Amino acid sequence: ISYPMGSVVPVKVLGSLAMVDSGETDWKVIAISLEDPDSSRINDIASLKAIKGDALVDRIVNWLRFYKTTDKKTPDEASPNTFLKNAEYQSVTETLKVIEHTNQRWSMLRAGAADKTDK
């Protein structure tokens, strides 16, 4: 399934990966569209692997590792992106906590109750 850039799509959270961007944790949430024919059988990274294959799950990590290097002047010399937690997928439960925390921070920033430097 392909969507135009900027689409808002109902999804199911499957897990996440923790990366480093400018010295801060940058969570990458892995989700599946509810329109995917397999979405009723995929509930986490383990079931994603079982149904879509190990290669897909490995390709996600590989793409995230290198996606910012290809737009460099000399991509072959660019450093790969860095992961935290050994590039291990985090659970749905952990990911939902990250989403909740991030949403709370966004709400505080929007309300003017926090600045960008608050954690």
N, C-alpha and C. Protein backbone atom coordinates (compact mmCIF):
# COMPACT_ATOMS: atom_id res chain seq x y z
N ILE A 1 0.86 -1.17 0.00
CA ILE A 1 0.00 0.00 0.00
C ILE A 1 0.91 1.23 0.00
N SER A 2 0.60 2.17 -0.85
CA SER A 2 1.38 3.40 -0.94
C SER A 2 0.45 4.59 -0.73
N TYR A 3 0.94 5.58 0.00
CA TYR A 3 0.16 6.76 0.31
C TYR A 3 0.93 8.01 -0.12
N PRO A 4 0.22 9.05 -0.50
CA PRO A 4 0.91 10.31 -0.81
C PRO A 4 1.56 10.89 0.45
N MET A 5 2.66 11.61 0.26
CA MET A 5 3.33 12.25 1.38
C MET A 5 2.34 13.14 2.13
N GLY A 6 2.39 13.06 3.46
CA GLY A 6 1.52 13.87 4.29
C GLY A 6 0.19 13.23 4.62
N SER A 7 -0.03 12.01 4.14
CA SER A 7 -1.30 11.33 4.42
C SER A 7 -1.42 10.99 5.90
N VAL A 8 -2.63 11.04 6.40
CA VAL A 8 -2.93 10.59 7.75
C VAL A 8 -3.62 9.25 7.59
N VAL A 9 -3.01 8.21 8.17
CA VAL A 9 -3.46 6.85 7.93
C VAL A 9 -3.64 6.13 9.27
N PRO A 10 -4.77 5.45 9.48
CA PRO A 10 -4.92 4.66 10.71
C PRO A 10 -3.93 3.49 10.70
N VAL A 11 -3.20 3.35 11.81
CA VAL A 11 -2.17 2.31 11.91
C VAL A 11 -2.25 1.58 13.24
N LYS A 12 -1.55 0.48 13.30
CA LYS A 12 -1.36 -0.27 14.54
C LYS A 12 0.13 -0.23 14.86
N VAL A 13 0.48 0.17 16.07
CA VAL A 13 1.88 0.24 16.51
C VAL A 13 2.40 -1.18 16.73
N LEU A 14 3.60 -1.46 16.17
CA LEU A 14 4.21 -2.78 16.30
C LEU A 14 5.46 -2.77 17.18
N GLY A 15 6.08 -1.62 17.32
CA GLY A 15 7.32 -1.52 18.10
C GLY A 15 8.05 -0.26 17.69
N SER A 16 9.31 -0.16 18.10
CA SER A 16 10.10 1.03 17.77
C SER A 16 11.58 0.71 17.82
N LEU A 17 12.35 1.64 17.26
CA LEU A 17 13.80 1.60 17.33
C LEU A 17 14.27 2.94 17.86
N ALA A 18 15.29 2.91 18.71
CA ALA A 18 15.85 4.14 19.27
C ALA A 18 17.11 4.50 18.51
N MET A 19 17.13 5.72 17.96
CA MET A 19 18.29 6.20 17.23
C MET A 19 18.82 7.46 17.91
N VAL A 20 19.97 7.91 17.47
CA VAL A 20 20.55 9.16 17.97
C VAL A 20 20.55 10.16 16.82
N ASP A 21 20.02 11.35 17.08
CA ASP A 21 20.03 12.42 16.10
C ASP A 21 20.41 13.71 16.83
N SER A 22 21.51 14.29 16.43
CA SER A 22 22.03 15.52 17.07
C SER A 22 22.16 15.35 18.58
N GLY A 23 22.60 14.18 19.02
CA GLY A 23 22.85 13.94 20.43
C GLY A 23 21.62 13.60 21.26
N GLU A 24 20.45 13.51 20.62
CA GLU A 24 19.21 13.19 21.34
C GLU A 24 18.60 11.90 20.81
N THR A 25 17.84 11.24 21.66
CA THR A 25 17.14 10.03 21.23
C THR A 25 16.06 10.40 20.23
N ASP A 26 16.03 9.68 19.13
CA ASP A 26 15.06 9.89 18.06
C ASP A 26 14.35 8.56 17.84
N TRP A 27 13.15 8.45 18.38
CA TRP A 27 12.41 7.20 18.29
C TRP A 27 11.78 7.05 16.92
N LYS A 28 11.95 5.88 16.33
CA LYS A 28 11.32 5.53 15.06
C LYS A 28 10.25 4.48 15.36
N VAL A 29 9.01 4.89 15.24
CA VAL A 29 7.88 4.00 15.54
C VAL A 29 7.60 3.16 14.30
N ILE A 30 7.51 1.87 14.50
CA ILE A 30 7.19 0.94 13.42
C ILE A 30 5.72 0.58 13.55
N ALA A 31 4.98 0.76 12.47
CA ALA A 31 3.53 0.54 12.50
C ALA A 31 3.10 -0.11 11.19
N ILE A 32 1.89 -0.63 11.20
CA ILE A 32 1.31 -1.22 9.99
C ILE A 32 -0.03 -0.55 9.73
N SER A 33 -0.28 -0.26 8.48
CA SER A 33 -1.56 0.33 8.11
C SER A 33 -2.69 -0.66 8.41
N LEU A 34 -3.78 -0.15 8.93
CA LEU A 34 -4.93 -1.02 9.18
C LEU A 34 -5.55 -1.49 7.87
N GLU A 35 -5.17 -0.87 6.77
CA GLU A 35 -5.65 -1.31 5.45
C GLU A 35 -4.82 -2.46 4.88
N ASP A 36 -3.69 -2.76 5.50
CA ASP A 36 -2.88 -3.89 5.04
C ASP A 36 -3.66 -5.17 5.27
N PRO A 37 -3.76 -6.02 4.28
CA PRO A 37 -4.53 -7.26 4.44
C PRO A 37 -4.07 -8.16 5.58
N ASP A 38 -2.82 -8.02 6.00
CA ASP A 38 -2.28 -8.84 7.09
C ASP A 38 -2.37 -8.16 8.45
N SER A 39 -2.89 -6.94 8.52
CA SER A 39 -2.85 -6.18 9.78
C SER A 39 -3.59 -6.86 10.92
N SER A 40 -4.61 -7.65 10.62
CA SER A 40 -5.33 -8.32 11.72
C SER A 40 -4.50 -9.43 12.35
N ARG A 41 -3.48 -9.90 11.63
CA ARG A 41 -2.63 -10.99 12.15
C ARG A 41 -1.28 -10.50 12.67
N ILE A 42 -0.97 -9.22 12.44
CA ILE A 42 0.32 -8.67 12.86
C ILE A 42 0.09 -7.71 14.01
N ASN A 43 0.68 -8.04 15.16
CA ASN A 43 0.47 -7.25 16.38
C ASN A 43 1.74 -6.73 17.02
N ASP A 44 2.89 -7.18 16.55
CA ASP A 44 4.18 -6.78 17.11
C ASP A 44 5.27 -7.16 16.12
N ILE A 45 6.51 -6.90 16.47
CA ILE A 45 7.62 -7.20 15.56
C ILE A 45 7.76 -8.70 15.32
N ALA A 46 7.53 -9.51 16.34
CA ALA A 46 7.64 -10.96 16.17
C ALA A 46 6.64 -11.47 15.14
N SER A 47 5.40 -11.01 15.21
CA SER A 47 4.41 -11.47 14.23
C SER A 47 4.66 -10.83 12.86
N LEU A 48 5.24 -9.64 12.83
CA LEU A 48 5.64 -9.04 11.55
C LEU A 48 6.67 -9.93 10.88
N LYS A 49 7.67 -10.38 11.66
CA LYS A 49 8.69 -11.29 11.13
C LYS A 49 8.07 -12.58 10.62
N ALA A 50 7.17 -13.14 11.43
CA ALA A 50 6.57 -14.43 11.09
C ALA A 50 5.75 -14.35 9.80
N ILE A 51 5.07 -13.24 9.59
CA ILE A 51 4.15 -13.13 8.45
C ILE A 51 4.81 -12.49 7.23
N LYS A 52 5.59 -11.45 7.44
CA LYS A 52 6.21 -10.74 6.31
C LYS A 52 7.65 -11.16 6.06
N GLY A 53 8.26 -11.86 7.03
CA GLY A 53 9.61 -12.37 6.84
C GLY A 53 10.68 -11.57 7.57
N ASP A 54 11.74 -12.30 7.96
CA ASP A 54 12.89 -11.68 8.64
C ASP A 54 13.51 -10.58 7.79
N ALA A 55 13.52 -10.78 6.48
CA ALA A 55 14.19 -9.83 5.59
C ALA A 55 13.57 -8.44 5.69
N LEU A 56 12.26 -8.36 5.81
CA LEU A 56 11.61 -7.05 5.92
C LEU A 56 12.06 -6.33 7.19
N VAL A 57 12.07 -7.04 8.29
CA VAL A 57 12.45 -6.45 9.57
C VAL A 57 13.91 -6.00 9.53
N ASP A 58 14.76 -6.79 8.90
CA ASP A 58 16.17 -6.42 8.74
C ASP A 58 16.33 -5.22 7.82
N ARG A 59 15.53 -5.17 6.74
CA ARG A 59 15.60 -4.04 5.80
C ARG A 59 15.21 -2.73 6.47
N ILE A 60 14.27 -2.77 7.40
CA ILE A 60 13.87 -1.54 8.11
C ILE A 60 15.08 -0.97 8.86
N VAL A 61 15.78 -1.82 9.61
CA VAL A 61 16.96 -1.38 10.36
C VAL A 61 18.02 -0.86 9.38
N ASN A 62 18.26 -1.58 8.32
CA ASN A 62 19.28 -1.19 7.35
C ASN A 62 18.93 0.16 6.71
N TRP A 63 17.68 0.35 6.34
CA TRP A 63 17.27 1.61 5.74
C TRP A 63 17.47 2.77 6.72
N LEU A 64 17.05 2.57 7.96
CA LEU A 64 17.22 3.62 8.96
C LEU A 64 18.70 3.91 9.24
N ARG A 65 19.52 2.89 9.16
CA ARG A 65 20.96 3.06 9.41
C ARG A 65 21.59 3.98 8.35
N PHE A 66 21.09 3.92 7.11
CA PHE A 66 21.75 4.62 6.01
C PHE A 66 20.93 5.72 5.35
N TYR A 67 19.69 5.95 5.76
CA TYR A 67 18.84 6.86 4.99
C TYR A 67 19.33 8.29 4.94
N LYS A 68 20.06 8.77 5.92
CA LYS A 68 20.55 10.15 5.88
C LYS A 68 21.92 10.26 5.22
N THR A 69 22.52 9.14 4.88
CA THR A 69 23.86 9.20 4.28
C THR A 69 23.79 9.40 2.77
N THR A 70 22.70 9.02 2.15
CA THR A 70 22.63 9.08 0.69
C THR A 70 22.52 10.49 0.15
N ASP A 71 22.13 11.46 0.95
CA ASP A 71 22.03 12.83 0.45
C ASP A 71 23.29 13.65 0.75
N LYS A 72 24.33 12.98 1.22
CA LYS A 72 25.60 13.66 1.48
C LYS A 72 26.37 13.83 0.17
N LYS A 73 27.30 14.79 0.17
CA LYS A 73 28.11 15.04 -1.02
C LYS A 73 28.89 13.80 -1.43
N THR A 74 29.42 13.09 -0.42
CA THR A 74 30.16 11.84 -0.67
C THR A 74 29.52 10.74 0.19
N PRO A 75 28.42 10.16 -0.29
CA PRO A 75 27.67 9.18 0.52
C PRO A 75 28.51 8.00 1.02
N ASP A 76 29.49 7.57 0.23
CA ASP A 76 30.30 6.42 0.65
C ASP A 76 31.18 6.74 1.84
N GLU A 77 31.43 8.03 2.08
CA GLU A 77 32.27 8.44 3.20
C GLU A 77 31.45 8.88 4.40
N ALA A 78 30.13 8.98 4.24
CA ALA A 78 29.26 9.43 5.33
C ALA A 78 29.15 8.36 6.40
N SER A 79 29.03 8.79 7.64
CA SER A 79 28.87 7.85 8.76
C SER A 79 27.44 7.36 8.83
N PRO A 80 27.25 6.05 9.05
CA PRO A 80 25.89 5.54 9.22
C PRO A 80 25.24 6.14 10.46
N ASN A 81 23.94 6.16 10.47
CA ASN A 81 23.19 6.62 11.64
C ASN A 81 23.42 5.67 12.80
N THR A 82 23.31 6.19 14.00
CA THR A 82 23.60 5.42 15.20
C THR A 82 22.31 5.01 15.91
N PHE A 83 22.28 3.77 16.35
CA PHE A 83 21.16 3.25 17.13
C PHE A 83 21.53 3.15 18.60
N LEU A 84 20.54 3.26 19.44
CA LEU A 84 20.68 2.93 20.85
C LEU A 84 20.13 1.52 21.04
N LYS A 85 20.37 0.94 22.18
CA LYS A 85 19.81 -0.37 22.54
C LYS A 85 20.14 -1.44 21.50
N ASN A 86 21.36 -1.34 20.92
CA ASN A 86 21.86 -2.34 19.97
C ASN A 86 20.94 -2.54 18.77
N ALA A 87 20.22 -1.52 18.37
CA ALA A 87 19.30 -1.59 17.23
C ALA A 87 18.26 -2.69 17.42
N GLU A 88 17.91 -2.94 18.68
CA GLU A 88 16.89 -3.95 18.97
C GLU A 88 15.52 -3.29 19.00
N TYR A 89 14.56 -3.94 18.39
CA TYR A 89 13.20 -3.42 18.40
C TYR A 89 12.65 -3.42 19.82
N GLN A 90 11.98 -2.35 20.17
CA GLN A 90 11.34 -2.23 21.47
C GLN A 90 9.90 -2.73 21.37
N SER A 91 9.36 -3.17 22.48
CA SER A 91 8.02 -3.76 22.50
C SER A 91 6.93 -2.73 22.21
N VAL A 92 5.75 -3.23 21.92
CA VAL A 92 4.58 -2.37 21.74
C VAL A 92 4.34 -1.56 23.01
N THR A 93 4.42 -2.22 24.18
CA THR A 93 4.19 -1.54 25.45
C THR A 93 5.16 -0.38 25.64
N GLU A 94 6.45 -0.64 25.42
CA GLU A 94 7.46 0.41 25.56
C GLU A 94 7.22 1.53 24.54
N THR A 95 6.87 1.16 23.34
CA THR A 95 6.63 2.15 22.29
C THR A 95 5.43 3.03 22.62
N LEU A 96 4.38 2.45 23.15
CA LEU A 96 3.20 3.24 23.53
C LEU A 96 3.55 4.22 24.65
N LYS A 97 4.45 3.83 25.56
CA LYS A 97 4.91 4.75 26.61
C LYS A 97 5.67 5.93 25.98
N VAL A 98 6.51 5.64 25.00
CA VAL A 98 7.27 6.69 24.31
C VAL A 98 6.30 7.64 23.60
N ILE A 99 5.31 7.09 22.93
CA ILE A 99 4.32 7.91 22.22
C ILE A 99 3.57 8.80 23.20
N GLU A 100 3.16 8.24 24.32
CA GLU A 100 2.43 9.01 25.34
C GLU A 100 3.30 10.14 25.88
N HIS A 101 4.55 9.83 26.21
CA HIS A 101 5.47 10.84 26.74
C HIS A 101 5.69 11.95 25.70
N THR A 102 5.91 11.56 24.47
CA THR A 102 6.14 12.53 23.40
C THR A 102 4.91 13.41 23.19
N ASN A 103 3.74 12.82 23.26
CA ASN A 103 2.51 13.59 23.11
C ASN A 103 2.34 14.58 24.26
N GLN A 104 2.67 14.15 25.47
CA GLN A 104 2.59 15.06 26.62
C GLN A 104 3.55 16.23 26.44
N ARG A 105 4.78 15.96 25.99
CA ARG A 105 5.76 17.03 25.76
C ARG A 105 5.26 17.99 24.68
N TRP A 106 4.72 17.45 23.60
CA TRP A 106 4.19 18.28 22.52
C TRP A 106 3.06 19.17 23.05
N SER A 107 2.17 18.59 23.85
CA SER A 107 1.06 19.36 24.42
C SER A 107 1.58 20.49 25.31
N MET A 108 2.61 20.20 26.10
CA MET A 108 3.18 21.22 26.97
C MET A 108 3.84 22.33 26.14
N LEU A 109 4.58 21.96 25.13
CA LEU A 109 5.21 22.95 24.27
C LEU A 109 4.17 23.83 23.59
N ARG A 110 3.14 23.19 23.10
CA ARG A 110 2.07 23.91 22.42
C ARG A 110 1.37 24.90 23.35
N ALA A 111 1.22 24.50 24.61
CA ALA A 111 0.56 25.35 25.60
C ALA A 111 1.52 26.40 26.19
N GLY A 112 2.79 26.33 25.82
CA GLY A 112 3.77 27.27 26.35
C GLY A 112 4.24 26.92 27.75
N ALA A 113 3.95 25.70 28.20
CA ALA A 113 4.33 25.28 29.55
C ALA A 113 5.72 24.68 29.62
N ALA A 114 6.37 24.54 28.48
CA ALA A 114 7.73 23.98 28.44
C ALA A 114 8.46 24.60 27.27
N ASP A 115 9.78 24.63 27.36
CA ASP A 115 10.53 25.07 26.18
C ASP A 115 11.23 23.87 25.57
N LYS A 116 11.86 24.08 24.45
CA LYS A 116 12.49 22.99 23.69
C LYS A 116 13.61 22.30 24.45
N THR A 117 14.16 22.95 25.47
CA THR A 117 15.27 22.34 26.19
C THR A 117 14.82 21.45 27.34
N ASP A 118 13.52 21.52 27.73
CA ASP A 118 13.00 20.64 28.79
C ASP A 118 12.93 19.23 28.26
N LYS A 119 13.19 18.26 29.13
CA LYS A 119 13.15 16.85 28.71
C LYS A 119 11.97 16.16 29.31
